Amino acid sequence: MCVERFPIKNEGMASHESQEKRHYIETFRVILSAWPAFPVDLEASLLPSAVATHVWVVEKQLARFYTQSFFNSFGRPPIVPHLIPNPPLLSSVLGVIDFSSALLT
């Protein structure tokens, strides 16, 4: 059995680091390019010099193609990658604590 560690930050396609994200989006693009009806406007590779906004546009187009193609083939929506939420601040979980009323006099 293979056990993977649970990520503690957004990685791969969900990464906030543009070069890491670009690499995974490009790999996803290459995989999807073999699927039937792959959009012609997505055939060009994502270059290492691609700006973050271009990577974002390509990611959204790939996601739209992937989810629609999956639904067309399997009759249900796909399971998609998720983001790991930022941990909440302790004060927002517990509320603001006023210790002054807890002091013994």
N, C-alpha and C. Protein backbone atom coordinates (compact mmCIF):
# COMPACT_ATOMS: atom_id res chain seq x y z
N MET A 1 0.84 -1.18 0.00
CA MET A 1 0.00 0.00 0.00
C MET A 1 0.89 1.25 0.00
N CYS A 2 0.51 2.20 -0.80
CA CYS A 2 1.27 3.45 -0.89
C CYS A 2 0.55 4.53 -0.09
N VAL A 3 1.26 5.15 0.80
CA VAL A 3 0.67 6.20 1.63
C VAL A 3 1.35 7.52 1.29
N GLU A 4 0.57 8.47 0.86
CA GLU A 4 1.08 9.80 0.54
C GLU A 4 0.85 10.71 1.74
N ARG A 5 1.78 11.62 1.94
CA ARG A 5 1.58 12.59 3.02
C ARG A 5 0.44 13.54 2.64
N PHE A 6 -0.27 14.03 3.63
CA PHE A 6 -1.32 15.01 3.37
C PHE A 6 -0.66 16.36 3.22
N PRO A 7 -0.93 17.07 2.12
CA PRO A 7 -0.25 18.35 1.92
C PRO A 7 -0.64 19.38 2.98
N ILE A 8 0.31 20.22 3.32
CA ILE A 8 0.04 21.27 4.30
C ILE A 8 -0.06 22.64 3.65
N LYS A 9 0.16 22.67 2.33
CA LYS A 9 -0.01 23.92 1.57
C LYS A 9 -0.51 23.54 0.18
N ASN A 10 -1.00 24.52 -0.54
CA ASN A 10 -1.47 24.28 -1.90
C ASN A 10 -0.27 23.98 -2.80
N GLU A 11 -0.35 22.83 -3.48
CA GLU A 11 0.75 22.39 -4.33
C GLU A 11 0.23 22.06 -5.71
N GLY A 12 1.15 21.88 -6.66
CA GLY A 12 0.77 21.47 -8.00
C GLY A 12 -0.06 22.53 -8.69
N MET A 13 -1.20 22.12 -9.24
CA MET A 13 -2.07 23.06 -9.96
C MET A 13 -2.66 24.11 -9.03
N ALA A 14 -2.70 23.84 -7.75
CA ALA A 14 -3.26 24.79 -6.79
C ALA A 14 -2.20 25.68 -6.16
N SER A 15 -0.96 25.52 -6.58
CA SER A 15 0.14 26.28 -5.99
C SER A 15 -0.03 27.78 -6.21
N HIS A 16 0.45 28.54 -5.24
CA HIS A 16 0.46 30.00 -5.38
C HIS A 16 1.76 30.47 -6.04
N GLU A 17 2.71 29.55 -6.22
CA GLU A 17 3.98 29.87 -6.87
C GLU A 17 3.80 29.70 -8.38
N SER A 18 3.96 30.78 -9.12
CA SER A 18 3.59 30.77 -10.54
C SER A 18 4.35 29.75 -11.38
N GLN A 19 5.64 29.54 -11.14
CA GLN A 19 6.40 28.58 -11.95
C GLN A 19 5.98 27.14 -11.66
N GLU A 20 5.72 26.83 -10.40
CA GLU A 20 5.24 25.48 -10.06
C GLU A 20 3.87 25.25 -10.70
N LYS A 21 2.99 26.22 -10.56
CA LYS A 21 1.65 26.11 -11.14
C LYS A 21 1.72 25.96 -12.66
N ARG A 22 2.56 26.76 -13.32
CA ARG A 22 2.69 26.70 -14.77
C ARG A 22 3.12 25.31 -15.22
N HIS A 23 4.06 24.71 -14.50
CA HIS A 23 4.54 23.37 -14.84
C HIS A 23 3.40 22.35 -14.81
N TYR A 24 2.58 22.39 -13.77
CA TYR A 24 1.48 21.43 -13.64
C TYR A 24 0.35 21.70 -14.63
N ILE A 25 0.08 22.97 -14.90
CA ILE A 25 -0.94 23.32 -15.90
C ILE A 25 -0.49 22.84 -17.28
N GLU A 26 0.79 23.01 -17.58
CA GLU A 26 1.31 22.56 -18.87
C GLU A 26 1.23 21.03 -18.98
N THR A 27 1.55 20.32 -17.93
CA THR A 27 1.45 18.86 -17.95
C THR A 27 0.00 18.42 -18.14
N PHE A 28 -0.92 19.09 -17.47
CA PHE A 28 -2.35 18.81 -17.63
C PHE A 28 -2.78 19.07 -19.07
N ARG A 29 -2.27 20.17 -19.66
CA ARG A 29 -2.59 20.51 -21.05
C ARG A 29 -2.11 19.42 -22.00
N VAL A 30 -0.91 18.91 -21.77
CA VAL A 30 -0.37 17.85 -22.63
C VAL A 30 -1.24 16.60 -22.54
N ILE A 31 -1.65 16.24 -21.34
CA ILE A 31 -2.51 15.05 -21.15
C ILE A 31 -3.84 15.24 -21.89
N LEU A 32 -4.47 16.39 -21.68
CA LEU A 32 -5.78 16.63 -22.29
C LEU A 32 -5.69 16.80 -23.81
N SER A 33 -4.53 17.16 -24.32
CA SER A 33 -4.41 17.39 -25.77
C SER A 33 -4.64 16.10 -26.57
N ALA A 34 -4.56 14.95 -25.93
CA ALA A 34 -4.82 13.68 -26.61
C ALA A 34 -6.31 13.32 -26.62
N TRP A 35 -7.12 14.07 -25.89
CA TRP A 35 -8.55 13.78 -25.81
C TRP A 35 -9.26 14.25 -27.09
N PRO A 36 -10.35 13.58 -27.45
CA PRO A 36 -11.13 14.03 -28.62
C PRO A 36 -11.67 15.45 -28.40
N ALA A 37 -11.73 16.20 -29.47
CA ALA A 37 -12.30 17.56 -29.47
C ALA A 37 -11.50 18.55 -28.62
N PHE A 38 -10.21 18.28 -28.43
CA PHE A 38 -9.38 19.23 -27.68
C PHE A 38 -9.36 20.56 -28.42
N PRO A 39 -9.58 21.67 -27.70
CA PRO A 39 -9.64 22.98 -28.36
C PRO A 39 -8.34 23.35 -29.07
N VAL A 40 -8.48 23.80 -30.30
CA VAL A 40 -7.33 24.19 -31.12
C VAL A 40 -6.57 25.34 -30.47
N ASP A 41 -7.28 26.27 -29.81
CA ASP A 41 -6.62 27.43 -29.22
C ASP A 41 -5.77 27.08 -27.99
N LEU A 42 -5.82 25.82 -27.53
CA LEU A 42 -5.00 25.39 -26.40
C LEU A 42 -3.83 24.51 -26.84
N GLU A 43 -3.61 24.38 -28.14
CA GLU A 43 -2.55 23.50 -28.62
C GLU A 43 -1.14 24.03 -28.36
N ALA A 44 -0.98 25.33 -28.23
CA ALA A 44 0.35 25.90 -27.99
C ALA A 44 0.79 25.64 -26.55
N SER A 45 2.08 25.29 -26.40
CA SER A 45 2.64 25.03 -25.07
C SER A 45 2.70 26.29 -24.22
N LEU A 46 2.62 26.10 -22.92
CA LEU A 46 2.83 27.21 -21.98
C LEU A 46 4.33 27.35 -21.78
N LEU A 47 4.89 28.44 -22.21
CA LEU A 47 6.33 28.66 -22.10
C LEU A 47 6.70 29.02 -20.66
N PRO A 48 7.93 28.70 -20.25
CA PRO A 48 8.37 29.08 -18.90
C PRO A 48 8.26 30.58 -18.62
N SER A 49 8.28 31.38 -19.67
CA SER A 49 8.18 32.84 -19.50
C SER A 49 6.74 33.34 -19.45
N ALA A 50 5.77 32.43 -19.49
CA ALA A 50 4.35 32.84 -19.49
C ALA A 50 4.01 33.61 -18.22
N VAL A 51 3.29 34.71 -18.41
CA VAL A 51 2.88 35.52 -17.26
C VAL A 51 1.72 34.84 -16.53
N ALA A 52 1.56 35.17 -15.27
CA ALA A 52 0.56 34.52 -14.42
C ALA A 52 -0.86 34.65 -14.98
N THR A 53 -1.18 35.79 -15.58
CA THR A 53 -2.53 35.97 -16.11
C THR A 53 -2.80 35.03 -17.29
N HIS A 54 -1.79 34.80 -18.12
CA HIS A 54 -1.95 33.86 -19.24
C HIS A 54 -2.12 32.44 -18.72
N VAL A 55 -1.33 32.07 -17.72
CA VAL A 55 -1.46 30.73 -17.12
C VAL A 55 -2.87 30.56 -16.55
N TRP A 56 -3.39 31.61 -15.90
CA TRP A 56 -4.73 31.55 -15.32
C TRP A 56 -5.79 31.33 -16.41
N VAL A 57 -5.67 32.05 -17.53
CA VAL A 57 -6.62 31.91 -18.63
C VAL A 57 -6.58 30.49 -19.20
N VAL A 58 -5.38 29.97 -19.42
CA VAL A 58 -5.24 28.60 -19.94
C VAL A 58 -5.82 27.60 -18.94
N GLU A 59 -5.53 27.80 -17.66
CA GLU A 59 -6.07 26.90 -16.62
C GLU A 59 -7.59 26.87 -16.66
N LYS A 60 -8.22 28.02 -16.76
CA LYS A 60 -9.69 28.08 -16.80
C LYS A 60 -10.24 27.39 -18.04
N GLN A 61 -9.59 27.58 -19.19
CA GLN A 61 -10.05 26.93 -20.42
C GLN A 61 -9.88 25.42 -20.33
N LEU A 62 -8.76 24.97 -19.76
CA LEU A 62 -8.55 23.53 -19.58
C LEU A 62 -9.57 22.94 -18.62
N ALA A 63 -9.85 23.66 -17.55
CA ALA A 63 -10.83 23.17 -16.56
C ALA A 63 -12.21 23.04 -17.20
N ARG A 64 -12.59 24.02 -18.01
CA ARG A 64 -13.89 23.97 -18.68
C ARG A 64 -13.95 22.77 -19.63
N PHE A 65 -12.89 22.57 -20.41
CA PHE A 65 -12.84 21.44 -21.34
C PHE A 65 -12.86 20.10 -20.58
N TYR A 66 -12.05 20.01 -19.53
CA TYR A 66 -11.96 18.77 -18.75
C TYR A 66 -13.31 18.40 -18.13
N THR A 67 -13.94 19.35 -17.45
CA THR A 67 -15.19 19.04 -16.76
C THR A 67 -16.30 18.69 -17.74
N GLN A 68 -16.39 19.40 -18.86
CA GLN A 68 -17.43 19.10 -19.84
C GLN A 68 -17.17 17.76 -20.52
N SER A 69 -15.93 17.50 -20.88
CA SER A 69 -15.60 16.21 -21.52
C SER A 69 -15.85 15.05 -20.57
N PHE A 70 -15.49 15.21 -19.31
CA PHE A 70 -15.73 14.15 -18.33
C PHE A 70 -17.23 13.89 -18.20
N PHE A 71 -17.99 14.98 -18.07
CA PHE A 71 -19.44 14.83 -17.94
C PHE A 71 -20.03 14.15 -19.17
N ASN A 72 -19.58 14.54 -20.36
CA ASN A 72 -20.09 13.93 -21.59
C ASN A 72 -19.78 12.44 -21.66
N SER A 73 -18.64 12.03 -21.13
CA SER A 73 -18.24 10.63 -21.19
C SER A 73 -18.85 9.77 -20.08
N PHE A 74 -18.97 10.33 -18.88
CA PHE A 74 -19.37 9.52 -17.73
C PHE A 74 -20.73 9.88 -17.14
N GLY A 75 -21.33 10.94 -17.63
CA GLY A 75 -22.67 11.31 -17.17
C GLY A 75 -22.74 11.87 -15.78
N ARG A 76 -21.61 12.30 -15.26
CA ARG A 76 -21.58 12.93 -13.93
C ARG A 76 -20.42 13.91 -13.88
N PRO A 77 -20.47 14.86 -12.96
CA PRO A 77 -19.35 15.79 -12.85
C PRO A 77 -18.11 15.08 -12.29
N PRO A 78 -16.94 15.54 -12.68
CA PRO A 78 -15.71 14.93 -12.15
C PRO A 78 -15.41 15.42 -10.74
N ILE A 79 -14.56 14.68 -10.07
CA ILE A 79 -13.99 15.17 -8.82
C ILE A 79 -12.83 16.06 -9.21
N VAL A 80 -12.84 17.26 -8.73
CA VAL A 80 -11.82 18.23 -9.13
C VAL A 80 -10.87 18.51 -7.96
N PRO A 81 -9.66 18.98 -8.27
CA PRO A 81 -8.71 19.31 -7.20
C PRO A 81 -9.28 20.38 -6.27
N HIS A 82 -8.86 20.32 -5.05
CA HIS A 82 -9.31 21.28 -4.05
C HIS A 82 -8.15 22.09 -3.50
N LEU A 83 -8.46 23.25 -2.98
CA LEU A 83 -7.47 24.08 -2.31
C LEU A 83 -7.50 23.78 -0.82
N ILE A 84 -6.36 23.93 -0.18
CA ILE A 84 -6.29 23.80 1.26
C ILE A 84 -6.53 25.19 1.83
N PRO A 85 -7.56 25.35 2.65
CA PRO A 85 -7.84 26.69 3.17
C PRO A 85 -6.75 27.15 4.12
N ASN A 86 -6.57 28.46 4.16
CA ASN A 86 -5.64 29.01 5.14
C ASN A 86 -6.17 28.74 6.53
N PRO A 87 -5.28 28.42 7.48
CA PRO A 87 -5.78 28.18 8.84
C PRO A 87 -6.37 29.46 9.42
N PRO A 88 -7.49 29.34 10.12
CA PRO A 88 -8.08 30.56 10.69
C PRO A 88 -7.22 31.09 11.82
N LEU A 89 -7.30 32.38 12.03
CA LEU A 89 -6.60 32.97 13.16
C LEU A 89 -7.27 32.50 14.44
N LEU A 90 -6.49 32.24 15.46
CA LEU A 90 -7.03 31.74 16.71
C LEU A 90 -8.08 32.69 17.27
N SER A 91 -7.86 33.99 17.14
CA SER A 91 -8.81 34.96 17.67
C SER A 91 -10.15 34.90 16.94
N SER A 92 -10.14 34.55 15.65
CA SER A 92 -11.40 34.47 14.92
C SER A 92 -12.16 33.20 15.25
N VAL A 93 -11.46 32.16 15.70
CA VAL A 93 -12.12 30.92 16.09
C VAL A 93 -12.72 31.07 17.48
N LEU A 94 -11.94 31.62 18.40
CA LEU A 94 -12.37 31.72 19.79
C LEU A 94 -13.10 33.03 20.08
N GLY A 95 -13.02 33.96 19.18
CA GLY A 95 -13.56 35.28 19.45
C GLY A 95 -12.52 36.07 20.25
N VAL A 96 -12.77 37.31 20.43
CA VAL A 96 -11.84 38.13 21.21
C VAL A 96 -12.06 37.81 22.67
N ILE A 97 -10.99 37.44 23.35
CA ILE A 97 -11.06 37.06 24.75
C ILE A 97 -10.62 38.22 25.62
N ASP A 98 -11.47 38.58 26.55
CA ASP A 98 -11.13 39.66 27.47
C ASP A 98 -10.72 39.01 28.80
N PHE A 99 -9.42 38.99 29.03
CA PHE A 99 -8.92 38.35 30.24
C PHE A 99 -9.04 39.26 31.45
N SER A 100 -9.30 40.53 31.25
CA SER A 100 -9.37 41.44 32.39
C SER A 100 -10.48 41.09 33.35
N SER A 101 -11.58 40.54 32.85
CA SER A 101 -12.70 40.18 33.73
C SER A 101 -12.41 38.88 34.49
N ALA A 102 -11.39 38.16 34.06
CA ALA A 102 -11.06 36.89 34.71
C ALA A 102 -10.03 37.07 35.82
N LEU A 103 -9.50 38.29 35.98
CA LEU A 103 -8.50 38.52 37.02
C LEU A 103 -9.13 38.47 38.40
N LEU A 104 -8.46 37.79 39.29
CA LEU A 104 -8.95 37.75 40.68
C LEU A 104 -8.42 38.94 41.42
N THR A 105 -9.27 39.56 42.21
CA THR A 105 -8.82 40.73 42.98
C THR A 105 -8.74 40.40 44.43
